[in-house]
Amino acid sequence: MEAIILERLPDPAMLQKLMKIQASLNIILCPEEWLRYHSYVQDWNEGVSMAKIDNGSGDHLFICFPLKAPS
């Protein structure tokens, strides 16, 4: 069962882009920060950005993405 779910996930770069889009739309549609489901922190930690989904009922999804090194 787990393999089927993992196969349905987008690649990490697309997932990161989708999480940024969701967080951006949530800012536009929900002015009250404490009511937002989606958030994205570009510089969450050194070399890491973080996306979060919080439904307000104790369910959380955290995804950490490594920041790309400058070329």
PDB file of N, CA and C in Angstrom:
ATOM      1  N   MET A   1       0.823  -1.199   0.000  1.00  0.00           N
ATOM      2  CA  MET A   1       0.000   0.000   0.000  1.00  0.00           C
ATOM      3  C   MET A   1       0.863   1.258   0.000  1.00  0.00           C
ATOM      4  N   GLU A   2       1.924   1.294   0.830  1.00  0.00           N
ATOM      5  CA  GLU A   2       2.763   2.481   0.904  1.00  0.00           C
ATOM      6  C   GLU A   2       3.407   2.799  -0.439  1.00  0.00           C
ATOM      7  N   ALA A   3       3.831   1.780  -1.171  1.00  0.00           N
ATOM      8  CA  ALA A   3       4.491   2.001  -2.457  1.00  0.00           C
ATOM      9  C   ALA A   3       3.544   2.675  -3.442  1.00  0.00           C
ATOM     10  N   ILE A   4       2.281   2.313  -3.412  1.00  0.00           N
ATOM     11  CA  ILE A   4       1.299   2.921  -4.317  1.00  0.00           C
ATOM     12  C   ILE A   4       1.144   4.408  -4.007  1.00  0.00           C
ATOM     13  N   ILE A   5       1.103   4.756  -2.748  1.00  0.00           N
ATOM     14  CA  ILE A   5       0.964   6.157  -2.351  1.00  0.00           C
ATOM     15  C   ILE A   5       2.207   6.943  -2.745  1.00  0.00           C
ATOM     16  N   LEU A   6       3.384   6.392  -2.501  1.00  0.00           N
ATOM     17  CA  LEU A   6       4.625   7.084  -2.840  1.00  0.00           C
ATOM     18  C   LEU A   6       4.747   7.320  -4.340  1.00  0.00           C
ATOM     19  N   GLU A   7       4.257   6.402  -5.130  1.00  0.00           N
ATOM     20  CA  GLU A   7       4.317   6.566  -6.581  1.00  0.00           C
ATOM     21  C   GLU A   7       3.431   7.707  -7.066  1.00  0.00           C
ATOM     22  N   ARG A   8       2.424   8.062  -6.300  1.00  0.00           N
ATOM     23  CA  ARG A   8       1.499   9.128  -6.694  1.00  0.00           C
ATOM     24  C   ARG A   8       2.013  10.518  -6.330  1.00  0.00           C
ATOM     25  N   LEU A   9       3.018  10.592  -5.471  1.00  0.00           N
ATOM     26  CA  LEU A   9       3.573  11.889  -5.085  1.00  0.00           C
ATOM     27  C   LEU A   9       4.356  12.499  -6.245  1.00  0.00           C
ATOM     28  N   PRO A  10       4.302  13.834  -6.368  1.00  0.00           N
ATOM     29  CA  PRO A  10       5.135  14.471  -7.393  1.00  0.00           C
ATOM     30  C   PRO A  10       6.601  14.425  -6.981  1.00  0.00           C
ATOM     31  N   ASP A  11       7.490  14.711  -7.925  1.00  0.00           N
ATOM     32  CA  ASP A  11       8.908  14.752  -7.581  1.00  0.00           C
ATOM     33  C   ASP A  11       9.150  15.894  -6.592  1.00  0.00           C
ATOM     34  N   PRO A  12      10.227  15.857  -5.822  1.00  0.00           N
ATOM     35  CA  PRO A  12      10.453  16.853  -4.768  1.00  0.00           C
ATOM     36  C   PRO A  12      10.414  18.310  -5.251  1.00  0.00           C
ATOM     37  N   ALA A  13      10.969  18.600  -6.417  1.00  0.00           N
ATOM     38  CA  ALA A  13      10.962  19.987  -6.911  1.00  0.00           C
ATOM     39  C   ALA A  13       9.537  20.464  -7.181  1.00  0.00           C
ATOM     40  N   MET A  14       8.711  19.605  -7.768  1.00  0.00           N
ATOM     41  CA  MET A  14       7.321  19.968  -8.036  1.00  0.00           C
ATOM     42  C   MET A  14       6.531  20.082  -6.741  1.00  0.00           C
ATOM     43  N   LEU A  15       6.791  19.193  -5.786  1.00  0.00           N
ATOM     44  CA  LEU A  15       6.114  19.250  -4.494  1.00  0.00           C
ATOM     45  C   LEU A  15       6.432  20.562  -3.783  1.00  0.00           C
ATOM     46  N   GLN A  16       7.686  20.979  -3.821  1.00  0.00           N
ATOM     47  CA  GLN A  16       8.076  22.238  -3.198  1.00  0.00           C
ATOM     48  C   GLN A  16       7.360  23.411  -3.868  1.00  0.00           C
ATOM     49  N   LYS A  17       7.299  23.396  -5.185  1.00  0.00           N
ATOM     50  CA  LYS A  17       6.611  24.459  -5.915  1.00  0.00           C
ATOM     51  C   LYS A  17       5.127  24.498  -5.551  1.00  0.00           C
ATOM     52  N   LEU A  18       4.494  23.341  -5.466  1.00  0.00           N
ATOM     53  CA  LEU A  18       3.078  23.275  -5.112  1.00  0.00           C
ATOM     54  C   LEU A  18       2.832  23.779  -3.692  1.00  0.00           C
ATOM     55  N   MET A  19       3.727  23.451  -2.776  1.00  0.00           N
ATOM     56  CA  MET A  19       3.569  23.919  -1.395  1.00  0.00           C
ATOM     57  C   MET A  19       3.715  25.435  -1.303  1.00  0.00           C
ATOM     58  N   LYS A  20       4.630  26.006  -2.095  1.00  0.00           N
ATOM     59  CA  LYS A  20       4.776  27.465  -2.128  1.00  0.00           C
ATOM     60  C   LYS A  20       3.504  28.117  -2.678  1.00  0.00           C
ATOM     61  N   ILE A  21       2.947  27.528  -3.718  1.00  0.00           N
ATOM     62  CA  ILE A  21       1.721  28.066  -4.319  1.00  0.00           C
ATOM     63  C   ILE A  21       0.568  28.006  -3.320  1.00  0.00           C
ATOM     64  N   GLN A  22       0.414  26.884  -2.638  1.00  0.00           N
ATOM     65  CA  GLN A  22      -0.664  26.765  -1.655  1.00  0.00           C
ATOM     66  C   GLN A  22      -0.512  27.784  -0.533  1.00  0.00           C
ATOM     67  N   ALA A  23       0.708  27.967  -0.050  1.00  0.00           N
ATOM     68  CA  ALA A  23       0.943  28.935   1.024  1.00  0.00           C
ATOM     69  C   ALA A  23       0.652  30.356   0.534  1.00  0.00           C
ATOM     70  N   SER A  24       1.038  30.665  -0.703  1.00  0.00           N
ATOM     71  CA  SER A  24       0.791  32.000  -1.261  1.00  0.00           C
ATOM     72  C   SER A  24      -0.701  32.265  -1.405  1.00  0.00           C
ATOM     73  N   LEU A  25      -1.420  31.291  -1.921  1.00  0.00           N
ATOM     74  CA  LEU A  25      -2.872  31.445  -2.067  1.00  0.00           C
ATOM     75  C   LEU A  25      -3.544  31.576  -0.714  1.00  0.00           C
ATOM     76  N   ASN A  26      -3.053  30.847   0.275  1.00  0.00           N
ATOM     77  CA  ASN A  26      -3.633  30.927   1.608  1.00  0.00           C
ATOM     78  C   ASN A  26      -3.452  32.312   2.217  1.00  0.00           C
ATOM     79  N   ILE A  27      -2.322  32.959   1.945  1.00  0.00           N
ATOM     80  CA  ILE A  27      -2.098  34.331   2.420  1.00  0.00           C
ATOM     81  C   ILE A  27      -3.111  35.272   1.783  1.00  0.00           C
ATOM     82  N   ILE A  28      -3.353  35.100   0.495  1.00  0.00           N
ATOM     83  CA  ILE A  28      -4.297  35.965  -0.223  1.00  0.00           C
ATOM     84  C   ILE A  28      -5.727  35.742   0.263  1.00  0.00           C
ATOM     85  N   LEU A  29      -6.108  34.487   0.434  1.00  0.00           N
ATOM     86  CA  LEU A  29      -7.497  34.158   0.745  1.00  0.00           C
ATOM     87  C   LEU A  29      -7.844  34.241   2.231  1.00  0.00           C
ATOM     88  N   CYS A  30      -6.838  34.213   3.095  1.00  0.00           N
ATOM     89  CA  CYS A  30      -7.094  34.216   4.539  1.00  0.00           C
ATOM     90  C   CYS A  30      -6.181  35.234   5.223  1.00  0.00           C
ATOM     91  N   PRO A  31      -6.691  36.452   5.441  1.00  0.00           N
ATOM     92  CA  PRO A  31      -5.853  37.493   6.046  1.00  0.00           C
ATOM     93  C   PRO A  31      -5.404  37.170   7.483  1.00  0.00           C
ATOM     94  N   GLU A  32      -6.181  36.387   8.218  1.00  0.00           N
ATOM     95  CA  GLU A  32      -5.832  36.045   9.593  1.00  0.00           C
ATOM     96  C   GLU A  32      -4.822  34.902   9.609  1.00  0.00           C
ATOM     97  N   GLU A  33      -3.596  35.207  10.005  1.00  0.00           N
ATOM     98  CA  GLU A  33      -2.519  34.215   9.942  1.00  0.00           C
ATOM     99  C   GLU A  33      -2.839  32.960  10.750  1.00  0.00           C
ATOM    100  N   TRP A  34      -3.458  33.096  11.891  1.00  0.00           N
ATOM    101  CA  TRP A  34      -3.706  31.946  12.747  1.00  0.00           C
ATOM    102  C   TRP A  34      -4.755  30.989  12.166  1.00  0.00           C
ATOM    103  N   LEU A  35      -5.484  31.413  11.141  1.00  0.00           N
ATOM    104  CA  LEU A  35      -6.486  30.557  10.510  1.00  0.00           C
ATOM    105  C   LEU A  35      -5.966  29.838   9.250  1.00  0.00           C
ATOM    106  N   ARG A  36      -4.765  30.140   8.840  1.00  0.00           N
ATOM    107  CA  ARG A  36      -4.230  29.567   7.607  1.00  0.00           C
ATOM    108  C   ARG A  36      -3.839  28.108   7.787  1.00  0.00           C
ATOM    109  N   TYR A  37      -4.143  27.292   6.777  1.00  0.00           N
ATOM    110  CA  TYR A  37      -3.784  25.871   6.767  1.00  0.00           C
ATOM    111  C   TYR A  37      -2.355  25.670   6.282  1.00  0.00           C
ATOM    112  N   HIS A  38      -1.952  26.420   5.273  1.00  0.00           N
ATOM    113  CA  HIS A  38      -0.673  26.203   4.599  1.00  0.00           C
ATOM    114  C   HIS A  38       0.304  27.329   4.926  1.00  0.00           C
ATOM    115  N   SER A  39       1.550  26.965   5.156  1.00  0.00           N
ATOM    116  CA  SER A  39       2.593  27.973   5.339  1.00  0.00           C
ATOM    117  C   SER A  39       3.889  27.453   4.724  1.00  0.00           C
ATOM    118  N   TYR A  40       4.761  28.386   4.393  1.00  0.00           N
ATOM    119  CA  TYR A  40       6.058  28.037   3.805  1.00  0.00           C
ATOM    120  C   TYR A  40       7.085  29.021   4.339  1.00  0.00           C
ATOM    121  N   VAL A  41       8.176  28.501   4.884  1.00  0.00           N
ATOM    122  CA  VAL A  41       9.246  29.336   5.432  1.00  0.00           C
ATOM    123  C   VAL A  41      10.509  29.055   4.621  1.00  0.00           C
ATOM    124  N   GLN A  42      10.929  30.035   3.833  1.00  0.00           N
ATOM    125  CA  GLN A  42      12.064  29.860   2.921  1.00  0.00           C
ATOM    126  C   GLN A  42      13.361  29.552   3.665  1.00  0.00           C
ATOM    127  N   ASP A  43      13.662  30.298   4.715  1.00  0.00           N
ATOM    128  CA  ASP A  43      14.904  30.110   5.478  1.00  0.00           C
ATOM    129  C   ASP A  43      14.568  29.589   6.873  1.00  0.00           C
ATOM    130  N   TRP A  44      13.927  28.445   6.917  1.00  0.00           N
ATOM    131  CA  TRP A  44      13.497  27.880   8.195  1.00  0.00           C
ATOM    132  C   TRP A  44      14.697  27.565   9.082  1.00  0.00           C
ATOM    133  N   ASN A  45      15.719  26.999   8.503  1.00  0.00           N
ATOM    134  CA  ASN A  45      16.958  26.681   9.205  1.00  0.00           C
ATOM    135  C   ASN A  45      18.081  26.828   8.190  1.00  0.00           C
ATOM    136  N   GLU A  46      19.301  26.763   8.630  1.00  0.00           N
ATOM    137  CA  GLU A  46      20.419  26.925   7.710  1.00  0.00           C
ATOM    138  C   GLU A  46      20.373  25.860   6.612  1.00  0.00           C
ATOM    139  N   GLY A  47      20.170  26.302   5.389  1.00  0.00           N
ATOM    140  CA  GLY A  47      20.142  25.397   4.253  1.00  0.00           C
ATOM    141  C   GLY A  47      18.857  24.608   4.074  1.00  0.00           C
ATOM    142  N   VAL A  48      17.820  24.973   4.829  1.00  0.00           N
ATOM    143  CA  VAL A  48      16.569  24.209   4.779  1.00  0.00           C
ATOM    144  C   VAL A  48      15.367  25.153   4.749  1.00  0.00           C
ATOM    145  N   SER A  49      14.418  24.846   3.862  1.00  0.00           N
ATOM    146  CA  SER A  49      13.126  25.529   3.887  1.00  0.00           C
ATOM    147  C   SER A  49      12.086  24.518   4.360  1.00  0.00           C
ATOM    148  N   MET A  50      10.944  25.020   4.866  1.00  0.00           N
ATOM    149  CA  MET A  50       9.947  24.134   5.432  1.00  0.00           C
ATOM    150  C   MET A  50       8.555  24.531   4.974  1.00  0.00           C
ATOM    151  N   ALA A  51       7.777  23.534   4.592  1.00  0.00           N
ATOM    152  CA  ALA A  51       6.367  23.724   4.279  1.00  0.00           C
ATOM    153  C   ALA A  51       5.555  23.023   5.365  1.00  0.00           C
ATOM    154  N   LYS A  52       4.408  23.619   5.710  1.00  0.00           N
ATOM    155  CA  LYS A  52       3.589  23.031   6.771  1.00  0.00           C
ATOM    156  C   LYS A  52       2.117  23.122   6.384  1.00  0.00           C
ATOM    157  N   ILE A  53       1.396  22.057   6.671  1.00  0.00           N
ATOM    158  CA  ILE A  53      -0.060  22.063   6.579  1.00  0.00           C
ATOM    159  C   ILE A  53      -0.566  21.754   7.979  1.00  0.00           C
ATOM    160  N   ASP A  54      -1.437  22.610   8.498  1.00  0.00           N
ATOM    161  CA  ASP A  54      -1.999  22.461   9.841  1.00  0.00           C
ATOM    162  C   ASP A  54      -3.499  22.690   9.729  1.00  0.00           C
ATOM    163  N   ASN A  55      -4.307  21.664   9.984  1.00  0.00           N
ATOM    164  CA  ASN A  55      -5.748  21.824   9.824  1.00  0.00           C
ATOM    165  C   ASN A  55      -6.435  22.403  11.051  1.00  0.00           C
ATOM    166  N   GLY A  56      -5.676  22.718  12.089  1.00  0.00           N
ATOM    167  CA  GLY A  56      -6.255  23.319  13.276  1.00  0.00           C
ATOM    168  C   GLY A  56      -6.848  22.317  14.253  1.00  0.00           C
ATOM    169  N   SER A  57      -6.820  21.046  13.913  1.00  0.00           N
ATOM    170  CA  SER A  57      -7.381  20.007  14.779  1.00  0.00           C
ATOM    171  C   SER A  57      -6.299  19.079  15.323  1.00  0.00           C
ATOM    172  N   GLY A  58      -5.066  19.515  15.242  1.00  0.00           N
ATOM    173  CA  GLY A  58      -3.967  18.712  15.754  1.00  0.00           C
ATOM    174  C   GLY A  58      -3.266  17.870  14.704  1.00  0.00           C
ATOM    175  N   ASP A  59      -3.733  17.932  13.463  1.00  0.00           N
ATOM    176  CA  ASP A  59      -3.080  17.196  12.382  1.00  0.00           C
ATOM    177  C   ASP A  59      -2.104  18.131  11.680  1.00  0.00           C
ATOM    178  N   HIS A  60      -0.859  17.708  11.556  1.00  0.00           N
ATOM    179  CA  HIS A  60       0.178  18.528  10.947  1.00  0.00           C
ATOM    180  C   HIS A  60       0.937  17.722   9.914  1.00  0.00           C
ATOM    181  N   LEU A  61       1.377  18.394   8.881  1.00  0.00           N
ATOM    182  CA  LEU A  61       2.284  17.802   7.893  1.00  0.00           C
ATOM    183  C   LEU A  61       3.429  18.781   7.731  1.00  0.00           C
ATOM    184  N   PHE A  62       4.632  18.330   8.004  1.00  0.00           N
ATOM    185  CA  PHE A  62       5.831  19.138   7.836  1.00  0.00           C
ATOM    186  C   PHE A  62       6.684  18.507   6.744  1.00  0.00           C
ATOM    187  N   ILE A  63       7.154  19.331   5.810  1.00  0.00           N
ATOM    188  CA  ILE A  63       8.048  18.862   4.767  1.00  0.00           C
ATOM    189  C   ILE A  63       9.239  19.800   4.731  1.00  0.00           C
ATOM    190  N   CYS A  64      10.432  19.252   4.885  1.00  0.00           N
ATOM    191  CA  CYS A  64      11.656  20.056   4.823  1.00  0.00           C
ATOM    192  C   CYS A  64      12.323  19.831   3.471  1.00  0.00           C
ATOM    193  N   PHE A  65      12.741  20.928   2.867  1.00  0.00           N
ATOM    194  CA  PHE A  65      13.408  20.901   1.572  1.00  0.00           C
ATOM    195  C   PHE A  65      14.793  21.516   1.710  1.00  0.00           C
ATOM    196  N   PRO A  66      15.824  20.873   1.178  1.00  0.00           N
ATOM    197  CA  PRO A  66      17.160  21.495   1.207  1.00  0.00           C
ATOM    198  C   PRO A  66      17.191  22.662   0.241  1.00  0.00           C
ATOM    199  N   LEU A  67      17.844  23.736   0.654  1.00  0.00           N
ATOM    200  CA  LEU A  67      18.009  24.876  -0.242  1.00  0.00           C
ATOM    201  C   LEU A  67      19.114  24.548  -1.236  1.00  0.00           C
ATOM    202  N   LYS A  68      18.939  24.974  -2.454  1.00  0.00           N
ATOM    203  CA  LYS A  68      19.935  24.695  -3.471  1.00  0.00           C
ATOM    204  C   LYS A  68      21.170  25.536  -3.228  1.00  0.00           C
ATOM    205  N   ALA A  69      22.313  24.913  -3.365  1.00  0.00           N
ATOM    206  CA  ALA A  69      23.575  25.629  -3.204  1.00  0.00           C
ATOM    207  C   ALA A  69      23.775  26.580  -4.374  1.00  0.00           C
ATOM    208  N   PRO A  70      24.317  27.769  -4.125  1.00  0.00           N
ATOM    209  CA  PRO A  70      24.568  28.689  -5.231  1.00  0.00           C
ATOM    210  C   PRO A  70      25.576  28.120  -6.220  1.00  0.00           C
ATOM    211  N   SER A  71      25.329  28.321  -7.505  1.00  0.00           N
ATOM    212  CA  SER A  71      26.224  27.778  -8.534  1.00  0.00           C
ATOM    213  C   SER A  71      27.371  28.706  -8.814  1.00  0.00           C
TER     214      SER A  71
END
